[in-house]
Amino acid sequence: MTEFQIINDSDITGSDGKVSYINGVEIDFDLIPEGRHDERLVHLTEMMKTHRRLERKLSEQRARLIEYIITNKVLSVINVAEIIEVSRQRVYKIIESKQEEE
């Protein structure tokens, strides 16, 4: 999900004009106030770390669900592969990696 904002507040942006942001980061890097580039890098890095943690948690949850679906014969491996748009071999690898964790 992409969040687009236009902020026209010099106290926040450090700029007298309108500043466009996508996901909290300026689109036009020339408008980043002098000496603030490092905090923008820190912000982006933290956002990336947060999203990676979320992705790992979602991946683990999906693996548990796939394992449940296949173990309980709710859907076939072929159906699961089609739904998540991967090969059947990948579905088996997801299940295998989940079982190795336990």
C-alpha atoms as a PDB file:
ATOM      1  CA  MET A   1       0.000   0.000   0.000  1.00  0.00           C
ATOM      2  CA  THR A   2       1.429   3.345  -1.031  1.00  0.00           C
ATOM      3  CA  GLU A   3       0.605   6.428   0.953  1.00  0.00           C
ATOM      4  CA  PHE A   4       0.853   9.735  -0.915  1.00  0.00           C
ATOM      5  CA  GLN A   5       0.847  13.067   0.933  1.00  0.00           C
ATOM      6  CA  ILE A   6       1.376  16.711   0.071  1.00  0.00           C
ATOM      7  CA  ILE A   7       2.473  18.829   3.014  1.00  0.00           C
ATOM      8  CA  ASN A   8       2.558  22.608   2.911  1.00  0.00           C
ATOM      9  CA  ASP A   9       3.999  23.350   6.353  1.00  0.00           C
ATOM     10  CA  SER A  10       7.508  24.773   6.527  1.00  0.00           C
ATOM     11  CA  ASP A  11       7.848  23.786  10.206  1.00  0.00           C
ATOM     12  CA  ILE A  12       7.456  20.136   9.207  1.00  0.00           C
ATOM     13  CA  THR A  13       9.098  20.110   5.787  1.00  0.00           C
ATOM     14  CA  GLY A  14      11.679  22.857   6.092  1.00  0.00           C
ATOM     15  CA  SER A  15      10.457  24.158   2.722  1.00  0.00           C
ATOM     16  CA  ASP A  16       8.181  27.114   1.921  1.00  0.00           C
ATOM     17  CA  GLY A  17       6.360  25.272  -0.871  1.00  0.00           C
ATOM     18  CA  LYS A  18       4.329  22.086  -1.098  1.00  0.00           C
ATOM     19  CA  VAL A  19       6.342  18.926  -0.530  1.00  0.00           C
ATOM     20  CA  SER A  20       5.142  15.585  -1.900  1.00  0.00           C
ATOM     21  CA  TYR A  21       5.787  12.401   0.061  1.00  0.00           C
ATOM     22  CA  ILE A  22       5.312   8.731  -0.696  1.00  0.00           C
ATOM     23  CA  ASN A  23       5.365   6.522   2.392  1.00  0.00           C
ATOM     24  CA  GLY A  24       6.888   9.288   4.489  1.00  0.00           C
ATOM     25  CA  VAL A  25       9.785  10.082   2.158  1.00  0.00           C
ATOM     26  CA  GLU A  26      10.038  13.110  -0.100  1.00  0.00           C
ATOM     27  CA  ILE A  27       9.624  12.481  -3.804  1.00  0.00           C
ATOM     28  CA  ASP A  28      11.883  15.395  -4.760  1.00  0.00           C
ATOM     29  CA  PHE A  29      15.149  14.911  -2.896  1.00  0.00           C
ATOM     30  CA  ASP A  30      16.228  18.466  -3.779  1.00  0.00           C
ATOM     31  CA  LEU A  31      13.616  19.716  -1.299  1.00  0.00           C
ATOM     32  CA  ILE A  32      15.106  17.840   1.660  1.00  0.00           C
ATOM     33  CA  PRO A  33      16.442  20.569   3.954  1.00  0.00           C
ATOM     34  CA  GLU A  34      20.208  20.898   4.290  1.00  0.00           C
ATOM     35  CA  GLY A  35      21.546  18.565   6.969  1.00  0.00           C
ATOM     36  CA  ARG A  36      18.405  16.385   7.082  1.00  0.00           C
ATOM     37  CA  HIS A  37      19.399  13.738   4.529  1.00  0.00           C
ATOM     38  CA  ASP A  38      20.863  11.492   7.225  1.00  0.00           C
ATOM     39  CA  GLU A  39      17.608  11.356   9.191  1.00  0.00           C
ATOM     40  CA  ARG A  40      15.742  10.498   5.974  1.00  0.00           C
ATOM     41  CA  LEU A  41      18.142   7.574   5.455  1.00  0.00           C
ATOM     42  CA  VAL A  42      17.598   6.448   9.051  1.00  0.00           C
ATOM     43  CA  HIS A  43      13.813   6.674   8.563  1.00  0.00           C
ATOM     44  CA  LEU A  44      13.919   4.638   5.344  1.00  0.00           C
ATOM     45  CA  THR A  45      16.190   2.028   6.921  1.00  0.00           C
ATOM     46  CA  GLU A  46      13.853   1.642   9.901  1.00  0.00           C
ATOM     47  CA  MET A  47      10.844   1.328   7.585  1.00  0.00           C
ATOM     48  CA  MET A  48      12.659  -1.393   5.636  1.00  0.00           C
ATOM     49  CA  LYS A  49      13.514  -3.307   8.830  1.00  0.00           C
ATOM     50  CA  THR A  50       9.895  -3.086  10.003  1.00  0.00           C
ATOM     51  CA  HIS A  51       8.569  -4.307   6.667  1.00  0.00           C
ATOM     52  CA  ARG A  52      11.053  -7.197   6.582  1.00  0.00           C
ATOM     53  CA  ARG A  53       9.945  -8.308  10.060  1.00  0.00           C
ATOM     54  CA  LEU A  54       6.321  -8.112   8.962  1.00  0.00           C
ATOM     55  CA  GLU A  55       7.084 -10.054   5.785  1.00  0.00           C
ATOM     56  CA  ARG A  56       8.799 -12.811   7.802  1.00  0.00           C
ATOM     57  CA  LYS A  57       5.821 -13.070  10.158  1.00  0.00           C
ATOM     58  CA  LEU A  58       3.374 -13.198   7.255  1.00  0.00           C
ATOM     59  CA  SER A  59       5.492 -15.828   5.529  1.00  0.00           C
ATOM     60  CA  GLU A  60       5.525 -17.964   8.689  1.00  0.00           C
ATOM     61  CA  GLN A  61       1.770 -17.602   9.061  1.00  0.00           C
ATOM     62  CA  ARG A  62       1.231 -18.570   5.428  1.00  0.00           C
ATOM     63  CA  ALA A  63       3.486 -21.620   5.852  1.00  0.00           C
ATOM     64  CA  ARG A  64       1.484 -22.761   8.890  1.00  0.00           C
ATOM     65  CA  LEU A  65      -1.758 -22.321   6.963  1.00  0.00           C
ATOM     66  CA  ILE A  66      -0.419 -24.212   3.940  1.00  0.00           C
ATOM     67  CA  GLU A  67       0.760 -27.029   6.180  1.00  0.00           C
ATOM     68  CA  TYR A  68      -2.687 -27.196   7.808  1.00  0.00           C
ATOM     69  CA  ILE A  69      -4.472 -27.121   4.439  1.00  0.00           C
ATOM     70  CA  ILE A  70      -2.372 -29.942   2.984  1.00  0.00           C
ATOM     71  CA  THR A  71      -2.294 -32.064   6.162  1.00  0.00           C
ATOM     72  CA  ASN A  72      -6.066 -31.848   6.561  1.00  0.00           C
ATOM     73  CA  LYS A  73      -6.703 -32.275   2.831  1.00  0.00           C
ATOM     74  CA  VAL A  74      -8.655 -29.011   2.606  1.00  0.00           C
ATOM     75  CA  LEU A  75      -7.078 -28.282  -0.791  1.00  0.00           C
ATOM     76  CA  SER A  76      -4.641 -30.087  -3.041  1.00  0.00           C
ATOM     77  CA  VAL A  77      -1.043 -28.995  -3.505  1.00  0.00           C
ATOM     78  CA  ILE A  78      -1.960 -28.000  -7.052  1.00  0.00           C
ATOM     79  CA  ASN A  79      -4.771 -25.743  -5.779  1.00  0.00           C
ATOM     80  CA  VAL A  80      -2.503 -24.125  -3.193  1.00  0.00           C
ATOM     81  CA  ALA A  81       0.207 -23.573  -5.818  1.00  0.00           C
ATOM     82  CA  GLU A  82      -2.276 -21.889  -8.147  1.00  0.00           C
ATOM     83  CA  ILE A  83      -3.666 -19.679  -5.376  1.00  0.00           C
ATOM     84  CA  ILE A  84      -0.282 -18.401  -4.205  1.00  0.00           C
ATOM     85  CA  GLU A  85       1.144 -18.416  -7.743  1.00  0.00           C
ATOM     86  CA  VAL A  86       4.123 -20.696  -7.177  1.00  0.00           C
ATOM     87  CA  SER A  87       5.100 -24.157  -8.382  1.00  0.00           C
ATOM     88  CA  ARG A  88       4.006 -27.341  -6.623  1.00  0.00           C
ATOM     89  CA  GLN A  89       7.653 -27.920  -5.732  1.00  0.00           C
ATOM     90  CA  ARG A  90       7.719 -24.564  -3.941  1.00  0.00           C
ATOM     91  CA  VAL A  91       4.627 -25.537  -1.919  1.00  0.00           C
ATOM     92  CA  TYR A  92       6.386 -28.738  -0.837  1.00  0.00           C
ATOM     93  CA  LYS A  93       9.483 -26.721   0.119  1.00  0.00           C
ATOM     94  CA  ILE A  94       7.347 -24.333   2.206  1.00  0.00           C
ATOM     95  CA  ILE A  95       5.810 -27.289   4.040  1.00  0.00           C
ATOM     96  CA  GLU A  96       9.203 -28.945   4.449  1.00  0.00           C
ATOM     97  CA  SER A  97      10.796 -25.787   5.888  1.00  0.00           C
ATOM     98  CA  LYS A  98       7.889 -25.405   8.328  1.00  0.00           C
ATOM     99  CA  GLN A  99       8.307 -29.004   9.525  1.00  0.00           C
ATOM    100  CA  GLU A 100      12.066 -28.494   9.973  1.00  0.00           C
ATOM    101  CA  GLU A 101      11.374 -25.542  12.285  1.00  0.00           C
ATOM    102  CA  GLU A 102       9.271 -27.711  14.583  1.00  0.00           C
END
